[in-house]
Amino acid sequence: AAGSDALQTNAIYREFVTSVGGGSRLQARAG
């Protein structure tokens, strides 16, 4: 659970996913 949560809340990863056209569900889960 820690590995999953740490990745989904990581700002660098979220920015990368958004820049390649993903991320809406990722942002919701991170919130």
PDB file of all heavy atoms in Angstrom:
ATOM      1  N   ALA A   1       0.829  -1.211   0.000  1.00  0.00           N
ATOM      2  CA  ALA A   1       0.000   0.000   0.000  1.00  0.00           C
ATOM      3  C   ALA A   1       0.859   1.255   0.000  1.00  0.00           C
ATOM      4  O   ALA A   1       0.539   2.248  -0.668  1.00  0.00           O
ATOM      5  CB  ALA A   1      -0.930  -0.008   1.215  1.00  0.00           C
ATOM      6  N   ALA A   2       1.977   1.209   0.719  1.00  0.00           N
ATOM      7  CA  ALA A   2       2.872   2.366   0.781  1.00  0.00           C
ATOM      8  C   ALA A   2       3.474   2.669  -0.585  1.00  0.00           C
ATOM      9  O   ALA A   2       3.576   3.832  -0.995  1.00  0.00           O
ATOM     10  CB  ALA A   2       3.979   2.114   1.801  1.00  0.00           C
ATOM     11  N   GLY A   3       3.893   1.629  -1.315  1.00  0.00           N
ATOM     12  CA  GLY A   3       4.460   1.844  -2.643  1.00  0.00           C
ATOM     13  C   GLY A   3       3.459   2.474  -3.589  1.00  0.00           C
ATOM     14  O   GLY A   3       3.796   3.392  -4.354  1.00  0.00           O
ATOM     15  N   SER A   4       2.232   1.991  -3.543  1.00  0.00           N
ATOM     16  CA  SER A   4       1.182   2.535  -4.400  1.00  0.00           C
ATOM     17  C   SER A   4       0.883   3.990  -4.048  1.00  0.00           C
ATOM     18  O   SER A   4       0.827   4.866  -4.919  1.00  0.00           O
ATOM     19  CB  SER A   4      -0.084   1.686  -4.263  1.00  0.00           C
ATOM     20  OG  SER A   4      -1.158   2.250  -4.988  1.00  0.00           O
ATOM     21  N   ASP A   5       0.696   4.262  -2.754  1.00  0.00           N
ATOM     22  CA  ASP A   5       0.359   5.622  -2.321  1.00  0.00           C
ATOM     23  C   ASP A   5       1.486   6.608  -2.598  1.00  0.00           C
ATOM     24  O   ASP A   5       1.252   7.752  -3.007  1.00  0.00           O
ATOM     25  CB  ASP A   5       0.029   5.627  -0.824  1.00  0.00           C
ATOM     26  CG  ASP A   5      -1.257   4.892  -0.494  1.00  0.00           C
ATOM     27  OD1 ASP A   5      -2.026   4.594  -1.437  1.00  0.00           O
ATOM     28  OD2 ASP A   5      -1.494   4.600   0.697  1.00  0.00           O
ATOM     29  N   ALA A   6       2.721   6.179  -2.363  1.00  0.00           N
ATOM     30  CA  ALA A   6       3.862   7.078  -2.568  1.00  0.00           C
ATOM     31  C   ALA A   6       4.000   7.461  -4.041  1.00  0.00           C
ATOM     32  O   ALA A   6       4.348   8.605  -4.360  1.00  0.00           O
ATOM     33  CB  ALA A   6       5.153   6.432  -2.058  1.00  0.00           C
ATOM     34  N   LEU A   7       3.716   6.531  -4.945  1.00  0.00           N
ATOM     35  CA  LEU A   7       3.819   6.852  -6.371  1.00  0.00           C
ATOM     36  C   LEU A   7       2.685   7.771  -6.804  1.00  0.00           C
ATOM     37  O   LEU A   7       2.923   8.784  -7.476  1.00  0.00           O
ATOM     38  CB  LEU A   7       3.813   5.580  -7.211  1.00  0.00           C
ATOM     39  CG  LEU A   7       3.932   5.819  -8.725  1.00  0.00           C
ATOM     40  CD1 LEU A   7       5.244   6.517  -9.070  1.00  0.00           C
ATOM     41  CD2 LEU A   7       3.816   4.507  -9.494  1.00  0.00           C
ATOM     42  N   GLN A   8       1.460   7.443  -6.415  1.00  0.00           N
ATOM     43  CA  GLN A   8       0.326   8.228  -6.912  1.00  0.00           C
ATOM     44  C   GLN A   8       0.321   9.653  -6.376  1.00  0.00           C
ATOM     45  O   GLN A   8      -0.241  10.555  -7.001  1.00  0.00           O
ATOM     46  CB  GLN A   8      -1.002   7.542  -6.593  1.00  0.00           C
ATOM     47  CG  GLN A   8      -1.381   7.537  -5.126  1.00  0.00           C
ATOM     48  CD  GLN A   8      -2.764   6.949  -4.900  1.00  0.00           C
ATOM     49  OE1 GLN A   8      -3.673   7.639  -4.457  1.00  0.00           O
ATOM     50  NE2 GLN A   8      -2.911   5.677  -5.213  1.00  0.00           N
ATOM     51  N   THR A   9       0.975   9.909  -5.235  1.00  0.00           N
ATOM     52  CA  THR A   9       1.023  11.262  -4.687  1.00  0.00           C
ATOM     53  C   THR A   9       2.311  11.997  -5.047  1.00  0.00           C
ATOM     54  O   THR A   9       2.488  13.156  -4.655  1.00  0.00           O
ATOM     55  CB  THR A   9       0.877  11.232  -3.153  1.00  0.00           C
ATOM     56  OG1 THR A   9       1.905  10.404  -2.588  1.00  0.00           O
ATOM     57  CG2 THR A   9      -0.475  10.691  -2.742  1.00  0.00           C
ATOM     58  N   ASN A  10       3.211  11.355  -5.790  1.00  0.00           N
ATOM     59  CA  ASN A  10       4.479  11.977  -6.136  1.00  0.00           C
ATOM     60  C   ASN A  10       4.262  13.041  -7.219  1.00  0.00           C
ATOM     61  O   ASN A  10       3.739  12.758  -8.298  1.00  0.00           O
ATOM     62  CB  ASN A  10       5.461  10.915  -6.629  1.00  0.00           C
ATOM     63  CG  ASN A  10       6.828  11.487  -6.923  1.00  0.00           C
ATOM     64  OD1 ASN A  10       7.089  11.976  -8.011  1.00  0.00           O
ATOM     65  ND2 ASN A  10       7.714  11.422  -5.944  1.00  0.00           N
ATOM     66  N   ALA A  11       4.677  14.271  -6.945  1.00  0.00           N
ATOM     67  CA  ALA A  11       4.410  15.394  -7.839  1.00  0.00           C
ATOM     68  C   ALA A  11       5.100  15.218  -9.192  1.00  0.00           C
ATOM     69  O   ALA A  11       4.536  15.573 -10.237  1.00  0.00           O
ATOM     70  CB  ALA A  11       4.855  16.698  -7.182  1.00  0.00           C
ATOM     71  N   ILE A  12       6.321  14.681  -9.193  1.00  0.00           N
ATOM     72  CA  ILE A  12       7.054  14.509 -10.451  1.00  0.00           C
ATOM     73  C   ILE A  12       6.359  13.480 -11.332  1.00  0.00           C
ATOM     74  O   ILE A  12       6.207  13.669 -12.548  1.00  0.00           O
ATOM     75  CB  ILE A  12       8.508  14.098 -10.171  1.00  0.00           C
ATOM     76  CG1 ILE A  12       9.249  15.221  -9.450  1.00  0.00           C
ATOM     77  CG2 ILE A  12       9.238  13.724 -11.467  1.00  0.00           C
ATOM     78  CD1 ILE A  12      10.637  14.845  -8.979  1.00  0.00           C
ATOM     79  N   TYR A  13       5.894  12.394 -10.713  1.00  0.00           N
ATOM     80  CA  TYR A  13       5.183  11.369 -11.474  1.00  0.00           C
ATOM     81  C   TYR A  13       3.862  11.908 -12.013  1.00  0.00           C
ATOM     82  O   TYR A  13       3.520  11.689 -13.185  1.00  0.00           O
ATOM     83  CB  TYR A  13       4.941  10.152 -10.583  1.00  0.00           C
ATOM     84  CG  TYR A  13       4.127   9.055 -11.236  1.00  0.00           C
ATOM     85  CD1 TYR A  13       4.623   8.347 -12.330  1.00  0.00           C
ATOM     86  CD2 TYR A  13       2.862   8.720 -10.760  1.00  0.00           C
ATOM     87  CE1 TYR A  13       3.879   7.339 -12.928  1.00  0.00           C
ATOM     88  CE2 TYR A  13       2.120   7.709 -11.348  1.00  0.00           C
ATOM     89  CZ  TYR A  13       2.628   7.023 -12.439  1.00  0.00           C
ATOM     90  OH  TYR A  13       1.891   6.029 -13.027  1.00  0.00           O
ATOM     91  N   ARG A  14       3.113  12.642 -11.199  1.00  0.00           N
ATOM     92  CA  ARG A  14       1.832  13.189 -11.652  1.00  0.00           C
ATOM     93  C   ARG A  14       2.041  14.149 -12.823  1.00  0.00           C
ATOM     94  O   ARG A  14       1.277  14.151 -13.785  1.00  0.00           O
ATOM     95  CB  ARG A  14       1.117  13.899 -10.500  1.00  0.00           C
ATOM     96  CG  ARG A  14       0.688  12.986  -9.368  1.00  0.00           C
ATOM     97  CD  ARG A  14      -0.453  13.587  -8.561  1.00  0.00           C
ATOM     98  NE  ARG A  14      -0.220  14.981  -8.204  1.00  0.00           N
ATOM     99  CZ  ARG A  14       0.410  15.384  -7.110  1.00  0.00           C
ATOM    100  NH1 ARG A  14       0.898  14.475  -6.270  1.00  0.00           N
ATOM    101  NH2 ARG A  14       0.551  16.662  -6.851  1.00  0.00           N
ATOM    102  N   GLU A  15       3.072  14.971 -12.740  1.00  0.00           N
ATOM    103  CA  GLU A  15       3.364  15.907 -13.829  1.00  0.00           C
ATOM    104  C   GLU A  15       3.716  15.150 -15.108  1.00  0.00           C
ATOM    105  O   GLU A  15       3.269  15.522 -16.208  1.00  0.00           O
ATOM    106  CB  GLU A  15       4.523  16.817 -13.434  1.00  0.00           C
ATOM    107  CG  GLU A  15       4.915  17.818 -14.516  1.00  0.00           C
ATOM    108  CD  GLU A  15       6.140  18.633 -14.141  1.00  0.00           C
ATOM    109  OE1 GLU A  15       6.650  18.474 -13.011  1.00  0.00           O
ATOM    110  OE2 GLU A  15       6.607  19.423 -14.990  1.00  0.00           O
ATOM    111  N   PHE A  16       4.481  14.080 -14.969  1.00  0.00           N
ATOM    112  CA  PHE A  16       4.848  13.284 -16.142  1.00  0.00           C
ATOM    113  C   PHE A  16       3.611  12.672 -16.790  1.00  0.00           C
ATOM    114  O   PHE A  16       3.437  12.745 -18.011  1.00  0.00           O
ATOM    115  CB  PHE A  16       5.828  12.190 -15.727  1.00  0.00           C
ATOM    116  CG  PHE A  16       6.142  11.208 -16.816  1.00  0.00           C
ATOM    117  CD1 PHE A  16       7.078  11.506 -17.798  1.00  0.00           C
ATOM    118  CD2 PHE A  16       5.495   9.977 -16.874  1.00  0.00           C
ATOM    119  CE1 PHE A  16       7.358  10.601 -18.816  1.00  0.00           C
ATOM    120  CE2 PHE A  16       5.766   9.067 -17.884  1.00  0.00           C
ATOM    121  CZ  PHE A  16       6.705   9.387 -18.857  1.00  0.00           C
ATOM    122  N   VAL A  17       2.760  12.053 -15.981  1.00  0.00           N
ATOM    123  CA  VAL A  17       1.564  11.402 -16.528  1.00  0.00           C
ATOM    124  C   VAL A  17       0.670  12.421 -17.231  1.00  0.00           C
ATOM    125  O   VAL A  17       0.148  12.171 -18.328  1.00  0.00           O
ATOM    126  CB  VAL A  17       0.797  10.670 -15.413  1.00  0.00           C
ATOM    127  CG1 VAL A  17      -0.537  10.147 -15.931  1.00  0.00           C
ATOM    128  CG2 VAL A  17       1.629   9.513 -14.860  1.00  0.00           C
ATOM    129  N   THR A  18       0.501  13.592 -16.628  1.00  0.00           N
ATOM    130  CA  THR A  18      -0.315  14.634 -17.248  1.00  0.00           C
ATOM    131  C   THR A  18       0.274  15.085 -18.574  1.00  0.00           C
ATOM    132  O   THR A  18      -0.446  15.315 -19.554  1.00  0.00           O
ATOM    133  CB  THR A  18      -0.439  15.838 -16.300  1.00  0.00           C
ATOM    134  OG1 THR A  18      -1.046  15.421 -15.078  1.00  0.00           O
ATOM    135  CG2 THR A  18      -1.289  16.934 -16.929  1.00  0.00           C
ATOM    136  N   SER A  19       1.605  15.185 -18.641  1.00  0.00           N
ATOM    137  CA  SER A  19       2.271  15.676 -19.856  1.00  0.00           C
ATOM    138  C   SER A  19       2.146  14.706 -21.020  1.00  0.00           C
ATOM    139  O   SER A  19       2.334  15.111 -22.176  1.00  0.00           O
ATOM    140  CB  SER A  19       3.752  15.947 -19.573  1.00  0.00           C
ATOM    141  OG  SER A  19       4.481  14.739 -19.436  1.00  0.00           O
ATOM    142  N   VAL A  20       1.836  13.438 -20.744  1.00  0.00           N
ATOM    143  CA  VAL A  20       1.706  12.462 -21.829  1.00  0.00           C
ATOM    144  C   VAL A  20       0.252  12.067 -22.059  1.00  0.00           C
ATOM    145  O   VAL A  20      -0.030  11.055 -22.698  1.00  0.00           O
ATOM    146  CB  VAL A  20       2.571  11.206 -21.563  1.00  0.00           C
ATOM    147  CG1 VAL A  20       4.036  11.581 -21.536  1.00  0.00           C
ATOM    148  CG2 VAL A  20       2.179  10.500 -20.262  1.00  0.00           C
ATOM    149  N   GLY A  21      -0.672  12.860 -21.491  1.00  0.00           N
ATOM    150  CA  GLY A  21      -2.078  12.665 -21.811  1.00  0.00           C
ATOM    151  C   GLY A  21      -2.858  11.789 -20.867  1.00  0.00           C
ATOM    152  O   GLY A  21      -3.962  11.349 -21.189  1.00  0.00           O
ATOM    153  N   GLY A  22      -2.338  11.519 -19.675  1.00  0.00           N
ATOM    154  CA  GLY A  22      -3.082  10.746 -18.687  1.00  0.00           C
ATOM    155  C   GLY A  22      -3.286  11.580 -17.448  1.00  0.00           C
ATOM    156  O   GLY A  22      -3.033  12.781 -17.436  1.00  0.00           O
ATOM    157  N   GLY A  23      -3.807  10.938 -16.400  1.00  0.00           N
ATOM    158  CA  GLY A  23      -3.732  11.592 -15.109  1.00  0.00           C
ATOM    159  C   GLY A  23      -5.003  12.000 -14.423  1.00  0.00           C
ATOM    160  O   GLY A  23      -4.967  12.331 -13.242  1.00  0.00           O
ATOM    161  N   SER A  24      -6.174  12.030 -15.095  1.00  0.00           N
ATOM    162  CA  SER A  24      -7.369  12.509 -14.403  1.00  0.00           C
ATOM    163  C   SER A  24      -7.730  11.599 -13.234  1.00  0.00           C
ATOM    164  O   SER A  24      -7.985  12.067 -12.124  1.00  0.00           O
ATOM    165  CB  SER A  24      -8.543  12.604 -15.394  1.00  0.00           C
ATOM    166  OG  SER A  24      -8.770  11.350 -16.014  1.00  0.00           O
ATOM    167  N   ARG A  25      -7.752  10.290 -13.469  1.00  0.00           N
ATOM    168  CA  ARG A  25      -8.057   9.367 -12.380  1.00  0.00           C
ATOM    169  C   ARG A  25      -6.922   9.331 -11.363  1.00  0.00           C
ATOM    170  O   ARG A  25      -7.149   9.167 -10.166  1.00  0.00           O
ATOM    171  CB  ARG A  25      -8.308   7.972 -12.938  1.00  0.00           C
ATOM    172  CG  ARG A  25      -9.551   7.882 -13.812  1.00  0.00           C
ATOM    173  CD  ARG A  25      -9.790   6.461 -14.313  1.00  0.00           C
ATOM    174  NE  ARG A  25     -10.948   6.389 -15.180  1.00  0.00           N
ATOM    175  CZ  ARG A  25     -11.375   5.274 -15.753  1.00  0.00           C
ATOM    176  NH1 ARG A  25     -10.724   4.142 -15.566  1.00  0.00           N
ATOM    177  NH2 ARG A  25     -12.436   5.301 -16.533  1.00  0.00           N
ATOM    178  N   LEU A  26      -5.689   9.487 -11.860  1.00  0.00           N
ATOM    179  CA  LEU A  26      -4.544   9.522 -10.958  1.00  0.00           C
ATOM    180  C   LEU A  26      -4.677  10.680  -9.986  1.00  0.00           C
ATOM    181  O   LEU A  26      -4.458  10.538  -8.790  1.00  0.00           O
ATOM    182  CB  LEU A  26      -3.257   9.655 -11.762  1.00  0.00           C
ATOM    183  CG  LEU A  26      -1.965   9.843 -10.957  1.00  0.00           C
ATOM    184  CD1 LEU A  26      -1.648   8.575 -10.174  1.00  0.00           C
ATOM    185  CD2 LEU A  26      -0.804  10.208 -11.872  1.00  0.00           C
ATOM    186  N   GLN A  27      -5.060  11.873 -10.483  1.00  0.00           N
ATOM    187  CA  GLN A  27      -5.204  13.039  -9.624  1.00  0.00           C
ATOM    188  C   GLN A  27      -6.294  12.804  -8.585  1.00  0.00           C
ATOM    189  O   GLN A  27      -6.143  13.187  -7.421  1.00  0.00           O
ATOM    190  CB  GLN A  27      -5.561  14.269 -10.482  1.00  0.00           C
ATOM    191  CG  GLN A  27      -4.498  14.656 -11.493  1.00  0.00           C
ATOM    192  CD  GLN A  27      -3.318  15.369 -10.848  1.00  0.00           C
ATOM    193  OE1 GLN A  27      -3.293  15.561  -9.635  1.00  0.00           O
ATOM    194  NE2 GLN A  27      -2.341  15.734 -11.651  1.00  0.00           N
ATOM    195  N   ALA A  28      -7.394  12.163  -8.998  1.00  0.00           N
ATOM    196  CA  ALA A  28      -8.485  11.898  -8.064  1.00  0.00           C
ATOM    197  C   ALA A  28      -8.044  10.940  -6.963  1.00  0.00           C
ATOM    198  O   ALA A  28      -8.332  11.150  -5.782  1.00  0.00           O
ATOM    199  CB  ALA A  28      -9.694  11.335  -8.818  1.00  0.00           C
ATOM    200  N   ARG A  29      -7.332   9.878  -7.344  1.00  0.00           N
ATOM    201  CA  ARG A  29      -6.861   8.918  -6.337  1.00  0.00           C
ATOM    202  C   ARG A  29      -5.853   9.561  -5.406  1.00  0.00           C
ATOM    203  O   ARG A  29      -5.842   9.302  -4.204  1.00  0.00           O
ATOM    204  CB  ARG A  29      -6.229   7.702  -7.017  1.00  0.00           C
ATOM    205  CG  ARG A  29      -7.215   6.797  -7.702  1.00  0.00           C
ATOM    206  CD  ARG A  29      -6.641   5.396  -7.901  1.00  0.00           C
ATOM    207  NE  ARG A  29      -5.338   5.430  -8.521  1.00  0.00           N
ATOM    208  CZ  ARG A  29      -5.122   5.502  -9.830  1.00  0.00           C
ATOM    209  NH1 ARG A  29      -6.147   5.584 -10.655  1.00  0.00           N
ATOM    210  NH2 ARG A  29      -3.895   5.503 -10.326  1.00  0.00           N
ATOM    211  N   ALA A  30      -4.955  10.397  -5.965  1.00  0.00           N
ATOM    212  CA  ALA A  30      -3.954  11.060  -5.135  1.00  0.00           C
ATOM    213  C   ALA A  30      -4.621  11.973  -4.121  1.00  0.00           C
ATOM    214  O   ALA A  30      -4.226  12.032  -2.952  1.00  0.00           O
ATOM    215  CB  ALA A  30      -2.994  11.851  -6.023  1.00  0.00           C
ATOM    216  N   GLY A  31      -5.678  12.699  -4.556  1.00  0.00           N
ATOM    217  CA  GLY A  31      -6.393  13.566  -3.625  1.00  0.00           C
ATOM    218  C   GLY A  31      -7.055  12.774  -2.513  1.00  0.00           C
ATOM    219  O   GLY A  31      -7.025  13.162  -1.343  1.00  0.00           O
TER     220      GLY A  31
END
